[in-house]
Amino acid sequence: MSKESEKKTKTVTVTVHRMSGRNKFLLITISLLLMAFLRTGFLIFLIGMLPSIVVYFFDRSEHHYTFRTIFSCNLAGCLPFLGHMFEYGPTNASLHEATSSTLTWVLMYGSAIMGGALIAFTPQIAKTMITGLHQTQIARLQRSQARIEAEWGKEVTNYSAKFN
């Protein structure tokens, strides 16, 4: 047998996470309610939430933590403008005011970027904090060890070596 015939072809299976029936129902219900109350404001909401929609399709993790984080931040950036639409009604003037302001789009998309920054930088921040805590514990234990050695003598440190 040649080496070529011994080689096996590898198949890669990709699991696509489909939306559950309950989530589909919730999405459709919330969308219909927003369409009914906001009318044209629903389009602003939909365009403002585009970063979250894109991340939903690219996040392949089991629990969609990336999507949830970016969605939460993105929603927080969109809610002030939706509140304005709820308060004054979905008039053309409020729609024009929201869409023509660059601050609107900077806040909506900037909040999604901040969600991405949370995902990117939080593990490093947590690692630094935990390393600092461990270094503090090591220093405390070394000071305690030095204090015990000063009180009891050097033979305390060699005690565990006798059992090896």
C-alpha atoms as a PDB file:
ATOM      1  CA  MET A   1       0.000   0.000   0.000  1.00  0.00           C
ATOM      2  CA  SER A   2       1.218   3.420  -0.800  1.00  0.00           C
ATOM      3  CA  LYS A   3       1.201   6.284   1.634  1.00  0.00           C
ATOM      4  CA  GLU A   4      -1.311   8.148  -0.489  1.00  0.00           C
ATOM      5  CA  SER A   5      -3.933   5.439  -0.135  1.00  0.00           C
ATOM      6  CA  GLU A   6      -3.363   5.322   3.627  1.00  0.00           C
ATOM      7  CA  LYS A   7      -4.222   8.968   4.052  1.00  0.00           C
ATOM      8  CA  LYS A   8      -7.723   9.507   5.276  1.00  0.00           C
ATOM      9  CA  THR A   9      -9.774  12.459   4.308  1.00  0.00           C
ATOM     10  CA  LYS A  10     -10.921  14.537   7.219  1.00  0.00           C
ATOM     11  CA  THR A  11     -14.452  15.798   7.279  1.00  0.00           C
ATOM     12  CA  VAL A  12     -15.222  18.931   9.180  1.00  0.00           C
ATOM     13  CA  THR A  13     -18.702  19.267  10.572  1.00  0.00           C
ATOM     14  CA  VAL A  14     -20.013  22.689  11.336  1.00  0.00           C
ATOM     15  CA  THR A  15     -22.990  22.942  13.622  1.00  0.00           C
ATOM     16  CA  VAL A  16     -25.293  25.796  12.854  1.00  0.00           C
ATOM     17  CA  HIS A  17     -27.175  27.071  15.842  1.00  0.00           C
ATOM     18  CA  ARG A  18     -30.707  27.664  14.772  1.00  0.00           C
ATOM     19  CA  MET A  19     -33.042  29.967  16.596  1.00  0.00           C
ATOM     20  CA  SER A  20     -35.424  28.115  18.873  1.00  0.00           C
ATOM     21  CA  GLY A  21     -39.165  28.401  18.433  1.00  0.00           C
ATOM     22  CA  ARG A  22     -39.551  30.470  21.600  1.00  0.00           C
ATOM     23  CA  ASN A  23     -36.896  32.950  20.460  1.00  0.00           C
ATOM     24  CA  LYS A  24     -38.494  33.235  17.024  1.00  0.00           C
ATOM     25  CA  PHE A  25     -41.851  33.932  18.637  1.00  0.00           C
ATOM     26  CA  LEU A  26     -40.336  36.594  20.916  1.00  0.00           C
ATOM     27  CA  LEU A  27     -38.494  38.231  18.023  1.00  0.00           C
ATOM     28  CA  ILE A  28     -41.590  38.367  15.856  1.00  0.00           C
ATOM     29  CA  THR A  29     -43.780  39.635  18.707  1.00  0.00           C
ATOM     30  CA  ILE A  30     -41.345  42.372  19.721  1.00  0.00           C
ATOM     31  CA  SER A  31     -40.840  43.372  16.099  1.00  0.00           C
ATOM     32  CA  LEU A  32     -44.586  43.627  15.492  1.00  0.00           C
ATOM     33  CA  LEU A  33     -45.070  45.686  18.660  1.00  0.00           C
ATOM     34  CA  LEU A  34     -42.250  48.037  17.719  1.00  0.00           C
ATOM     35  CA  MET A  35     -43.659  48.369  14.197  1.00  0.00           C
ATOM     36  CA  ALA A  36     -47.082  49.185  15.608  1.00  0.00           C
ATOM     37  CA  PHE A  37     -45.880  51.772  18.125  1.00  0.00           C
ATOM     38  CA  LEU A  38     -42.916  53.280  16.316  1.00  0.00           C
ATOM     39  CA  ARG A  39     -43.901  52.829  12.691  1.00  0.00           C
ATOM     40  CA  THR A  40     -40.986  54.463  10.849  1.00  0.00           C
ATOM     41  CA  GLY A  41     -38.924  54.540  14.049  1.00  0.00           C
ATOM     42  CA  PHE A  42     -38.671  50.772  13.748  1.00  0.00           C
ATOM     43  CA  LEU A  43     -36.372  51.288  10.772  1.00  0.00           C
ATOM     44  CA  ILE A  44     -34.058  53.455  12.877  1.00  0.00           C
ATOM     45  CA  PHE A  45     -34.072  50.774  15.545  1.00  0.00           C
ATOM     46  CA  LEU A  46     -33.347  48.064  12.975  1.00  0.00           C
ATOM     47  CA  ILE A  47     -30.503  50.015  11.360  1.00  0.00           C
ATOM     48  CA  GLY A  48     -29.148  50.993  14.772  1.00  0.00           C
ATOM     49  CA  MET A  49     -29.102  47.356  15.875  1.00  0.00           C
ATOM     50  CA  LEU A  50     -27.284  46.136  12.745  1.00  0.00           C
ATOM     51  CA  PRO A  51     -24.014  45.467  14.616  1.00  0.00           C
ATOM     52  CA  SER A  52     -25.877  43.115  16.949  1.00  0.00           C
ATOM     53  CA  ILE A  53     -27.622  41.380  14.074  1.00  0.00           C
ATOM     54  CA  VAL A  54     -24.312  40.800  12.293  1.00  0.00           C
ATOM     55  CA  VAL A  55     -22.646  39.495  15.467  1.00  0.00           C
ATOM     56  CA  TYR A  56     -25.544  37.087  16.034  1.00  0.00           C
ATOM     57  CA  PHE A  57     -24.751  35.313  12.778  1.00  0.00           C
ATOM     58  CA  PHE A  58     -20.983  35.228  13.374  1.00  0.00           C
ATOM     59  CA  ASP A  59     -21.030  34.166  17.040  1.00  0.00           C
ATOM     60  CA  ARG A  60     -20.696  30.384  16.959  1.00  0.00           C
ATOM     61  CA  SER A  61     -20.337  29.848  20.704  1.00  0.00           C
ATOM     62  CA  GLU A  62     -22.906  27.739  22.484  1.00  0.00           C
ATOM     63  CA  HIS A  63     -24.343  30.476  24.697  1.00  0.00           C
ATOM     64  CA  HIS A  64     -23.735  33.483  22.395  1.00  0.00           C
ATOM     65  CA  TYR A  65     -21.890  35.518  25.027  1.00  0.00           C
ATOM     66  CA  THR A  66     -20.353  37.808  22.408  1.00  0.00           C
ATOM     67  CA  PHE A  67     -23.747  38.493  20.899  1.00  0.00           C
ATOM     68  CA  ARG A  68     -25.343  39.105  24.289  1.00  0.00           C
ATOM     69  CA  THR A  69     -22.669  41.580  25.329  1.00  0.00           C
ATOM     70  CA  ILE A  70     -22.708  43.553  22.102  1.00  0.00           C
ATOM     71  CA  PHE A  71     -26.509  43.404  21.945  1.00  0.00           C
ATOM     72  CA  SER A  72     -26.835  44.813  25.465  1.00  0.00           C
ATOM     73  CA  CYS A  73     -24.451  47.671  24.781  1.00  0.00           C
ATOM     74  CA  ASN A  74     -26.002  48.361  21.384  1.00  0.00           C
ATOM     75  CA  LEU A  75     -29.505  48.368  22.855  1.00  0.00           C
ATOM     76  CA  ALA A  76     -28.356  50.818  25.527  1.00  0.00           C
ATOM     77  CA  GLY A  77     -27.184  53.110  22.727  1.00  0.00           C
ATOM     78  CA  CYS A  78     -30.478  52.830  20.816  1.00  0.00           C
ATOM     79  CA  LEU A  79     -32.916  53.184  23.724  1.00  0.00           C
ATOM     80  CA  PRO A  80     -32.607  56.967  24.227  1.00  0.00           C
ATOM     81  CA  PHE A  81     -33.717  57.564  20.653  1.00  0.00           C
ATOM     82  CA  LEU A  82     -36.516  55.031  20.896  1.00  0.00           C
ATOM     83  CA  GLY A  83     -37.669  56.707  24.101  1.00  0.00           C
ATOM     84  CA  HIS A  84     -37.769  60.008  22.258  1.00  0.00           C
ATOM     85  CA  MET A  85     -39.911  58.408  19.550  1.00  0.00           C
ATOM     86  CA  PHE A  86     -42.250  56.896  22.163  1.00  0.00           C
ATOM     87  CA  GLU A  87     -42.559  60.238  23.926  1.00  0.00           C
ATOM     88  CA  TYR A  88     -43.241  62.471  20.925  1.00  0.00           C
ATOM     89  CA  GLY A  89     -44.698  59.901  18.585  1.00  0.00           C
ATOM     90  CA  PRO A  90     -43.356  58.602  15.298  1.00  0.00           C
ATOM     91  CA  THR A  91     -43.634  61.874  13.391  1.00  0.00           C
ATOM     92  CA  ASN A  92     -41.592  62.757  10.356  1.00  0.00           C
ATOM     93  CA  ALA A  93     -39.941  65.570  12.311  1.00  0.00           C
ATOM     94  CA  SER A  94     -38.669  63.236  15.046  1.00  0.00           C
ATOM     95  CA  LEU A  95     -37.587  60.718  12.416  1.00  0.00           C
ATOM     96  CA  HIS A  96     -35.679  63.400  10.510  1.00  0.00           C
ATOM     97  CA  GLU A  97     -34.153  64.730  13.727  1.00  0.00           C
ATOM     98  CA  ALA A  98     -32.896  61.294  14.726  1.00  0.00           C
ATOM     99  CA  THR A  99     -31.522  60.267  11.331  1.00  0.00           C
ATOM    100  CA  SER A 100     -29.874  63.559  10.417  1.00  0.00           C
ATOM    101  CA  SER A 101     -27.853  63.860  13.619  1.00  0.00           C
ATOM    102  CA  THR A 102     -24.427  62.267  13.525  1.00  0.00           C
ATOM    103  CA  LEU A 103     -24.545  62.034  17.313  1.00  0.00           C
ATOM    104  CA  THR A 104     -27.360  59.511  16.969  1.00  0.00           C
ATOM    105  CA  TRP A 105     -25.314  57.182  14.819  1.00  0.00           C
ATOM    106  CA  VAL A 106     -22.121  57.696  16.821  1.00  0.00           C
ATOM    107  CA  LEU A 107     -23.959  56.721  20.020  1.00  0.00           C
ATOM    108  CA  MET A 108     -25.737  53.742  18.478  1.00  0.00           C
ATOM    109  CA  TYR A 109     -22.708  52.250  16.758  1.00  0.00           C
ATOM    110  CA  GLY A 110     -20.253  53.512  19.368  1.00  0.00           C
ATOM    111  CA  SER A 111     -22.095  51.617  22.065  1.00  0.00           C
ATOM    112  CA  ALA A 112     -21.787  48.435  19.980  1.00  0.00           C
ATOM    113  CA  ILE A 113     -18.060  49.138  19.601  1.00  0.00           C
ATOM    114  CA  MET A 114     -17.823  49.540  23.373  1.00  0.00           C
ATOM    115  CA  GLY A 115     -19.430  46.103  23.720  1.00  0.00           C
ATOM    116  CA  GLY A 116     -16.749  44.708  21.425  1.00  0.00           C
ATOM    117  CA  ALA A 117     -14.093  46.490  23.488  1.00  0.00           C
ATOM    118  CA  LEU A 118     -15.523  44.880  26.630  1.00  0.00           C
ATOM    119  CA  ILE A 119     -15.120  41.485  25.029  1.00  0.00           C
ATOM    120  CA  ALA A 120     -11.607  42.249  23.804  1.00  0.00           C
ATOM    121  CA  PHE A 121     -10.133  43.874  26.910  1.00  0.00           C
ATOM    122  CA  THR A 122     -11.989  42.357  29.862  1.00  0.00           C
ATOM    123  CA  PRO A 123     -10.040  39.057  29.859  1.00  0.00           C
ATOM    124  CA  GLN A 124      -6.746  40.956  29.944  1.00  0.00           C
ATOM    125  CA  ILE A 125      -7.956  43.210  32.758  1.00  0.00           C
ATOM    126  CA  ALA A 126      -9.158  40.188  34.749  1.00  0.00           C
ATOM    127  CA  LYS A 127      -5.838  38.406  34.158  1.00  0.00           C
ATOM    128  CA  THR A 128      -3.911  41.448  35.398  1.00  0.00           C
ATOM    129  CA  MET A 129      -6.076  41.759  38.498  1.00  0.00           C
ATOM    130  CA  ILE A 130      -5.806  38.069  39.377  1.00  0.00           C
ATOM    131  CA  THR A 131      -2.047  38.124  38.812  1.00  0.00           C
ATOM    132  CA  GLY A 132      -1.805  41.122  41.128  1.00  0.00           C
ATOM    133  CA  LEU A 133      -3.846  39.347  43.791  1.00  0.00           C
ATOM    134  CA  HIS A 134      -1.670  36.254  43.528  1.00  0.00           C
ATOM    135  CA  GLN A 135       1.510  38.327  43.759  1.00  0.00           C
ATOM    136  CA  THR A 136       0.129  40.006  46.878  1.00  0.00           C
ATOM    137  CA  GLN A 137      -0.631  36.612  48.429  1.00  0.00           C
ATOM    138  CA  ILE A 138       2.845  35.335  47.561  1.00  0.00           C
ATOM    139  CA  ALA A 139       4.471  38.388  49.166  1.00  0.00           C
ATOM    140  CA  ARG A 140       2.299  37.989  52.287  1.00  0.00           C
ATOM    141  CA  LEU A 141       3.189  34.299  52.592  1.00  0.00           C
ATOM    142  CA  GLN A 142       6.886  35.053  52.098  1.00  0.00           C
ATOM    143  CA  ARG A 143       6.772  37.690  54.861  1.00  0.00           C
ATOM    144  CA  SER A 144       4.987  35.193  57.108  1.00  0.00           C
ATOM    145  CA  GLN A 145       7.583  32.546  56.288  1.00  0.00           C
ATOM    146  CA  ALA A 146      10.435  34.964  57.082  1.00  0.00           C
ATOM    147  CA  ARG A 147       8.782  35.863  60.396  1.00  0.00           C
ATOM    148  CA  ILE A 148       8.392  32.178  61.323  1.00  0.00           C
ATOM    149  CA  GLU A 149      11.999  31.467  60.318  1.00  0.00           C
ATOM    150  CA  ALA A 150      13.202  34.345  62.499  1.00  0.00           C
ATOM    151  CA  GLU A 151      11.195  33.030  65.445  1.00  0.00           C
ATOM    152  CA  TRP A 152      11.837  29.269  65.103  1.00  0.00           C
ATOM    153  CA  GLY A 153      15.104  29.126  63.169  1.00  0.00           C
ATOM    154  CA  LYS A 154      16.219  27.791  59.763  1.00  0.00           C
ATOM    155  CA  GLU A 155      15.403  24.186  60.601  1.00  0.00           C
ATOM    156  CA  VAL A 156      11.696  24.967  60.080  1.00  0.00           C
ATOM    157  CA  THR A 157      12.236  25.376  56.348  1.00  0.00           C
ATOM    158  CA  ASN A 158      14.167  22.104  56.081  1.00  0.00           C
ATOM    159  CA  TYR A 159      11.484  20.149  57.942  1.00  0.00           C
ATOM    160  CA  SER A 160       9.504  19.177  54.809  1.00  0.00           C
ATOM    161  CA  ALA A 161      12.680  18.120  53.008  1.00  0.00           C
ATOM    162  CA  LYS A 162      13.267  15.287  55.538  1.00  0.00           C
ATOM    163  CA  PHE A 163      10.138  13.448  54.311  1.00  0.00           C
ATOM    164  CA  ASN A 164      11.116  13.424  50.632  1.00  0.00           C
END
